[in-house]
């Protein structure tokens, strides 16, 4: 394996060298009406190429109806150490529980 020399790398359409293609997260919707599910990641120079590569890698058997790609650097995530702040038990927030009124029969399925 040869060492990479940044001076010899050719920029791609996004301005980064091929060895520095951004990471994209791939989400596929299996059928209309269902949620998109994260199915993996890939490196691609730009969004159109990421869509094409995602289609080839993650939907080979026509199991998808829609593909989303999101640049991993554009995703903001909570810190797992802040779990309690975001996902603390809601027992002390009784107003969030629908116990103060009766549902009409027309929405009984809720």
N, C-alpha and C. Protein backbone atom coordinates (compact mmCIF):
# COMPACT_ATOMS: atom_id res chain seq x y z
N UNK A 1 0.85 -1.17 0.00
CA UNK A 1 0.00 0.00 0.00
C UNK A 1 0.90 1.22 0.00
N UNK A 2 0.67 2.10 -0.95
CA UNK A 2 1.52 3.28 -1.07
C UNK A 2 0.97 4.40 -0.21
N UNK A 3 1.85 5.27 0.20
CA UNK A 3 1.45 6.42 1.01
C UNK A 3 0.73 7.42 0.13
N UNK A 4 -0.25 8.08 0.68
CA UNK A 4 -1.02 9.07 -0.07
C UNK A 4 -0.29 10.40 -0.03
N UNK A 5 -0.14 11.01 -1.19
CA UNK A 5 0.49 12.32 -1.27
C UNK A 5 -0.58 13.32 -1.66
N UNK A 6 -1.01 14.20 -0.73
CA UNK A 6 -2.10 15.13 -1.02
C UNK A 6 -1.83 16.03 -2.21
N UNK A 7 -0.56 16.31 -2.52
CA UNK A 7 -0.25 17.19 -3.63
C UNK A 7 -0.56 16.54 -4.97
N UNK A 8 -0.57 15.21 -5.02
CA UNK A 8 -0.85 14.49 -6.27
C UNK A 8 -2.32 14.12 -6.42
N UNK A 9 -3.12 14.32 -5.39
CA UNK A 9 -4.54 13.95 -5.45
C UNK A 9 -5.29 14.92 -6.34
N UNK A 10 -6.15 14.38 -7.19
CA UNK A 10 -6.95 15.21 -8.08
C UNK A 10 -8.27 15.54 -7.39
N UNK A 11 -8.65 16.81 -7.39
CA UNK A 11 -9.93 17.15 -6.75
C UNK A 11 -11.10 16.61 -7.56
N UNK A 12 -12.17 16.26 -6.86
CA UNK A 12 -13.37 15.81 -7.53
C UNK A 12 -14.34 16.98 -7.63
N UNK A 13 -15.57 16.70 -8.04
CA UNK A 13 -16.55 17.76 -8.25
C UNK A 13 -16.82 18.57 -6.99
N UNK A 14 -16.69 17.95 -5.80
CA UNK A 14 -16.95 18.64 -4.55
C UNK A 14 -15.75 19.40 -4.04
N UNK A 15 -14.60 19.29 -4.70
CA UNK A 15 -13.41 20.01 -4.30
C UNK A 15 -12.47 19.19 -3.42
N UNK A 16 -12.91 18.05 -2.89
CA UNK A 16 -12.05 17.21 -2.07
C UNK A 16 -11.39 16.16 -2.95
N UNK A 17 -10.25 15.65 -2.52
CA UNK A 17 -9.61 14.59 -3.29
C UNK A 17 -10.40 13.30 -3.12
N UNK A 18 -10.21 12.36 -4.04
CA UNK A 18 -10.97 11.12 -4.01
C UNK A 18 -10.77 10.37 -2.70
N UNK A 19 -9.59 10.50 -2.08
CA UNK A 19 -9.36 9.80 -0.82
C UNK A 19 -10.02 10.53 0.34
N UNK A 20 -10.59 11.69 0.09
CA UNK A 20 -11.24 12.47 1.14
C UNK A 20 -12.73 12.67 0.86
N UNK A 21 -13.34 11.76 0.11
CA UNK A 21 -14.77 11.89 -0.16
C UNK A 21 -15.52 11.89 1.16
N UNK A 22 -16.55 12.70 1.27
CA UNK A 22 -17.31 12.75 2.51
C UNK A 22 -18.09 11.46 2.77
N UNK A 23 -18.38 11.24 4.02
CA UNK A 23 -19.17 10.09 4.45
C UNK A 23 -20.64 10.46 4.38
N UNK A 24 -21.46 9.58 3.81
CA UNK A 24 -22.91 9.78 3.68
C UNK A 24 -23.62 8.67 4.43
N UNK A 25 -24.67 9.02 5.15
CA UNK A 25 -25.52 8.03 5.81
C UNK A 25 -26.69 7.75 4.88
N UNK A 26 -27.05 6.49 4.75
CA UNK A 26 -28.06 6.06 3.78
C UNK A 26 -29.31 5.56 4.50
N UNK A 27 -30.46 6.06 4.06
CA UNK A 27 -31.75 5.67 4.60
C UNK A 27 -32.61 5.17 3.44
N UNK A 28 -33.27 4.03 3.63
CA UNK A 28 -34.10 3.45 2.58
C UNK A 28 -35.51 3.23 3.12
N UNK A 29 -36.49 3.59 2.30
CA UNK A 29 -37.90 3.30 2.61
C UNK A 29 -38.26 2.06 1.81
N UNK A 30 -38.67 1.01 2.51
CA UNK A 30 -38.93 -0.25 1.81
C UNK A 30 -40.22 -0.20 0.99
N UNK A 31 -41.27 0.47 1.51
CA UNK A 31 -42.52 0.61 0.78
C UNK A 31 -43.10 1.98 1.07
N UNK A 32 -43.93 2.45 0.17
CA UNK A 32 -44.59 3.74 0.37
C UNK A 32 -45.40 3.71 1.67
N UNK A 33 -45.29 4.79 2.42
CA UNK A 33 -46.02 4.89 3.67
C UNK A 33 -45.24 4.45 4.89
N UNK A 34 -44.16 3.73 4.69
CA UNK A 34 -43.33 3.31 5.82
C UNK A 34 -42.23 4.33 6.06
N UNK A 35 -41.60 4.24 7.23
CA UNK A 35 -40.50 5.15 7.56
C UNK A 35 -39.23 4.76 6.80
N UNK A 36 -38.37 5.75 6.57
CA UNK A 36 -37.04 5.46 6.06
C UNK A 36 -36.23 4.86 7.21
N UNK A 37 -35.45 3.84 6.94
CA UNK A 37 -34.62 3.18 7.94
C UNK A 37 -33.16 3.35 7.57
N UNK A 38 -32.33 3.63 8.56
CA UNK A 38 -30.89 3.73 8.31
C UNK A 38 -30.38 2.35 7.95
N UNK A 39 -29.68 2.25 6.84
CA UNK A 39 -29.19 0.94 6.43
C UNK A 39 -27.68 0.89 6.26
N UNK A 40 -26.98 2.02 6.36
CA UNK A 40 -25.53 1.98 6.25
C UNK A 40 -24.94 3.31 5.87
N UNK A 41 -23.67 3.27 5.53
CA UNK A 41 -22.91 4.46 5.18
C UNK A 41 -22.06 4.18 3.96
N UNK A 42 -21.67 5.24 3.28
CA UNK A 42 -20.76 5.10 2.15
C UNK A 42 -20.04 6.43 1.92
N UNK A 43 -18.96 6.37 1.18
CA UNK A 43 -18.21 7.57 0.80
C UNK A 43 -18.53 7.88 -0.66
N UNK A 44 -18.82 9.15 -0.95
CA UNK A 44 -19.11 9.59 -2.31
C UNK A 44 -18.72 11.05 -2.44
N UNK A 45 -18.40 11.49 -3.66
CA UNK A 45 -17.96 12.87 -3.85
C UNK A 45 -19.07 13.91 -3.71
N UNK A 46 -20.33 13.52 -4.03
CA UNK A 46 -21.43 14.49 -3.97
C UNK A 46 -22.75 13.74 -3.80
N UNK A 47 -23.83 14.49 -3.59
CA UNK A 47 -25.13 13.88 -3.32
C UNK A 47 -25.66 13.01 -4.46
N UNK A 48 -25.60 13.47 -5.73
CA UNK A 48 -26.11 12.58 -6.80
C UNK A 48 -25.35 11.26 -6.88
N UNK A 49 -24.04 11.30 -6.69
CA UNK A 49 -23.27 10.06 -6.73
C UNK A 49 -23.58 9.21 -5.50
N UNK A 50 -23.81 9.83 -4.35
CA UNK A 50 -24.16 9.09 -3.14
C UNK A 50 -25.49 8.36 -3.33
N UNK A 51 -26.46 9.03 -3.96
CA UNK A 51 -27.75 8.38 -4.24
C UNK A 51 -27.55 7.18 -5.16
N UNK A 52 -26.77 7.36 -6.22
CA UNK A 52 -26.54 6.27 -7.16
C UNK A 52 -25.84 5.10 -6.48
N UNK A 53 -24.81 5.40 -5.71
CA UNK A 53 -24.07 4.33 -5.02
C UNK A 53 -24.95 3.65 -3.98
N UNK A 54 -25.77 4.42 -3.27
CA UNK A 54 -26.67 3.84 -2.27
C UNK A 54 -27.67 2.90 -2.93
N UNK A 55 -28.19 3.31 -4.07
CA UNK A 55 -29.14 2.47 -4.80
C UNK A 55 -28.50 1.14 -5.19
N UNK A 56 -27.26 1.21 -5.66
CA UNK A 56 -26.56 0.00 -6.09
C UNK A 56 -26.17 -0.90 -4.93
N UNK A 57 -25.81 -0.30 -3.80
CA UNK A 57 -25.33 -1.09 -2.66
C UNK A 57 -26.47 -1.59 -1.78
N UNK A 58 -27.47 -0.75 -1.53
CA UNK A 58 -28.48 -1.07 -0.53
C UNK A 58 -29.85 -1.45 -1.08
N UNK A 59 -30.08 -1.36 -2.39
CA UNK A 59 -31.39 -1.73 -2.95
C UNK A 59 -31.22 -2.61 -4.18
N UNK A 60 -30.39 -3.60 -4.09
CA UNK A 60 -30.10 -4.47 -5.25
C UNK A 60 -31.30 -5.27 -5.70
N UNK A 61 -32.16 -5.67 -4.78
CA UNK A 61 -33.28 -6.56 -5.12
C UNK A 61 -34.60 -5.80 -5.20
N UNK A 62 -34.53 -4.54 -5.54
CA UNK A 62 -35.70 -3.69 -5.71
C UNK A 62 -36.56 -3.63 -4.45
N UNK A 63 -35.90 -3.73 -3.27
CA UNK A 63 -36.67 -3.71 -2.04
C UNK A 63 -36.97 -2.30 -1.55
N UNK A 64 -36.48 -1.28 -2.23
CA UNK A 64 -36.72 0.08 -1.78
C UNK A 64 -37.62 0.86 -2.70
N UNK A 65 -38.33 1.84 -2.11
CA UNK A 65 -39.14 2.75 -2.93
C UNK A 65 -38.59 4.16 -2.88
N UNK A 66 -37.69 4.44 -1.93
CA UNK A 66 -37.11 5.77 -1.79
C UNK A 66 -35.78 5.66 -1.06
N UNK A 67 -34.82 6.47 -1.48
CA UNK A 67 -33.50 6.48 -0.85
C UNK A 67 -33.17 7.91 -0.45
N UNK A 68 -32.72 8.08 0.79
CA UNK A 68 -32.21 9.36 1.26
C UNK A 68 -30.74 9.19 1.56
N UNK A 69 -29.94 10.20 1.24
CA UNK A 69 -28.55 10.25 1.68
C UNK A 69 -28.35 11.58 2.41
N UNK A 70 -27.64 11.52 3.51
CA UNK A 70 -27.37 12.71 4.32
C UNK A 70 -25.89 12.71 4.64
N UNK A 71 -25.26 13.84 4.37
CA UNK A 71 -23.85 13.95 4.70
C UNK A 71 -23.69 13.77 6.21
N UNK A 72 -22.85 12.84 6.61
CA UNK A 72 -22.69 12.54 8.03
C UNK A 72 -22.28 13.77 8.82
N UNK A 73 -21.51 14.65 8.22
CA UNK A 73 -21.07 15.86 8.92
C UNK A 73 -22.22 16.83 9.18
N UNK A 74 -23.37 16.65 8.51
CA UNK A 74 -24.53 17.52 8.72
C UNK A 74 -25.47 17.00 9.81
N UNK A 75 -25.17 15.84 10.37
CA UNK A 75 -26.02 15.27 11.40
C UNK A 75 -25.53 15.75 12.77
N UNK A 76 -26.47 16.23 13.55
CA UNK A 76 -26.16 16.63 14.92
C UNK A 76 -26.84 15.64 15.84
N UNK A 77 -26.09 15.07 16.74
CA UNK A 77 -26.63 14.04 17.63
C UNK A 77 -26.46 14.46 19.09
N UNK A 78 -27.32 13.94 19.92
CA UNK A 78 -27.17 14.18 21.35
C UNK A 78 -26.00 13.35 21.87
N UNK A 79 -25.44 13.80 22.95
CA UNK A 79 -24.34 13.09 23.60
C UNK A 79 -24.94 11.99 24.48
N UNK A 80 -24.48 10.76 24.35
CA UNK A 80 -25.03 9.68 25.19
C UNK A 80 -24.94 9.99 26.69
N UNK A 81 -23.99 10.80 27.08
CA UNK A 81 -23.87 11.16 28.50
C UNK A 81 -25.03 12.06 28.95
N UNK A 82 -25.74 12.68 28.00
CA UNK A 82 -26.88 13.53 28.33
C UNK A 82 -28.21 12.78 28.25
N UNK A 83 -28.13 11.46 28.27
CA UNK A 83 -29.32 10.62 28.11
C UNK A 83 -30.42 11.00 29.09
N UNK A 84 -30.08 11.19 30.36
CA UNK A 84 -31.11 11.51 31.36
C UNK A 84 -31.81 12.81 31.05
N UNK A 85 -31.09 13.78 30.54
CA UNK A 85 -31.68 15.08 30.24
C UNK A 85 -32.71 14.96 29.11
N UNK A 86 -32.41 14.12 28.10
CA UNK A 86 -33.30 13.99 26.96
C UNK A 86 -34.37 12.92 27.14
N UNK A 87 -34.03 11.85 27.85
CA UNK A 87 -34.90 10.69 27.90
C UNK A 87 -35.27 10.28 29.32
N UNK A 88 -35.30 11.22 30.23
CA UNK A 88 -35.63 10.90 31.61
C UNK A 88 -37.06 10.39 31.70
N UNK A 89 -37.36 9.63 32.74
CA UNK A 89 -38.74 9.12 32.89
C UNK A 89 -39.73 10.28 32.99
N UNK A 90 -40.91 10.06 32.47
CA UNK A 90 -41.91 11.12 32.41
C UNK A 90 -42.97 10.98 33.50
N UNK A 91 -42.75 10.13 34.51
CA UNK A 91 -43.76 9.95 35.55
C UNK A 91 -44.09 11.25 36.26
N UNK A 92 -43.11 12.14 36.38
CA UNK A 92 -43.36 13.40 37.08
C UNK A 92 -44.06 14.43 36.19
N UNK A 93 -44.32 14.08 34.95
CA UNK A 93 -44.99 15.00 34.02
C UNK A 93 -46.33 14.41 33.63
N UNK A 94 -47.24 14.37 34.59
CA UNK A 94 -48.53 13.71 34.37
C UNK A 94 -49.34 14.38 33.27
N UNK A 95 -49.05 15.63 33.01
CA UNK A 95 -49.79 16.33 31.97
C UNK A 95 -49.51 15.75 30.58
N UNK A 96 -48.50 14.95 30.44
CA UNK A 96 -48.18 14.34 29.15
C UNK A 96 -48.95 13.04 28.92
N UNK A 97 -49.60 12.55 29.95
CA UNK A 97 -50.36 11.31 29.82
C UNK A 97 -51.83 11.65 29.62
N UNK A 98 -52.49 11.04 28.65
CA UNK A 98 -53.90 11.37 28.36
C UNK A 98 -54.85 10.70 29.35
N UNK A 99 -54.77 11.08 30.61
CA UNK A 99 -55.62 10.45 31.63
C UNK A 99 -56.70 11.38 32.15
N UNK A 100 -56.74 12.60 31.64
CA UNK A 100 -57.66 13.60 32.18
C UNK A 100 -58.93 13.76 31.35
N UNK A 101 -59.11 12.94 30.33
CA UNK A 101 -60.30 13.06 29.50
C UNK A 101 -60.61 11.72 28.86
N UNK A 102 -61.84 11.58 28.43
CA UNK A 102 -62.27 10.36 27.75
C UNK A 102 -62.16 10.55 26.24
N UNK A 103 -61.68 9.54 25.57
CA UNK A 103 -61.61 9.58 24.11
C UNK A 103 -62.99 9.27 23.53
N UNK A 104 -63.39 9.98 22.51
CA UNK A 104 -64.65 9.65 21.84
C UNK A 104 -64.54 8.28 21.18
N UNK A 105 -65.66 7.60 21.02
CA UNK A 105 -65.65 6.27 20.43
C UNK A 105 -65.08 6.29 19.00
N UNK A 106 -65.21 7.39 18.30
CA UNK A 106 -64.73 7.46 16.92
C UNK A 106 -63.20 7.37 16.82
N UNK A 107 -62.51 7.63 17.92
CA UNK A 107 -61.04 7.52 17.92
C UNK A 107 -60.59 6.46 18.91
N UNK A 108 -61.40 5.45 19.08
CA UNK A 108 -61.13 4.40 20.06
C UNK A 108 -59.83 3.64 19.76
N UNK A 109 -59.36 3.69 18.54
CA UNK A 109 -58.16 2.93 18.15
C UNK A 109 -56.88 3.53 18.68
N UNK A 110 -56.93 4.67 19.31
CA UNK A 110 -55.70 5.35 19.78
C UNK A 110 -55.20 4.72 21.06
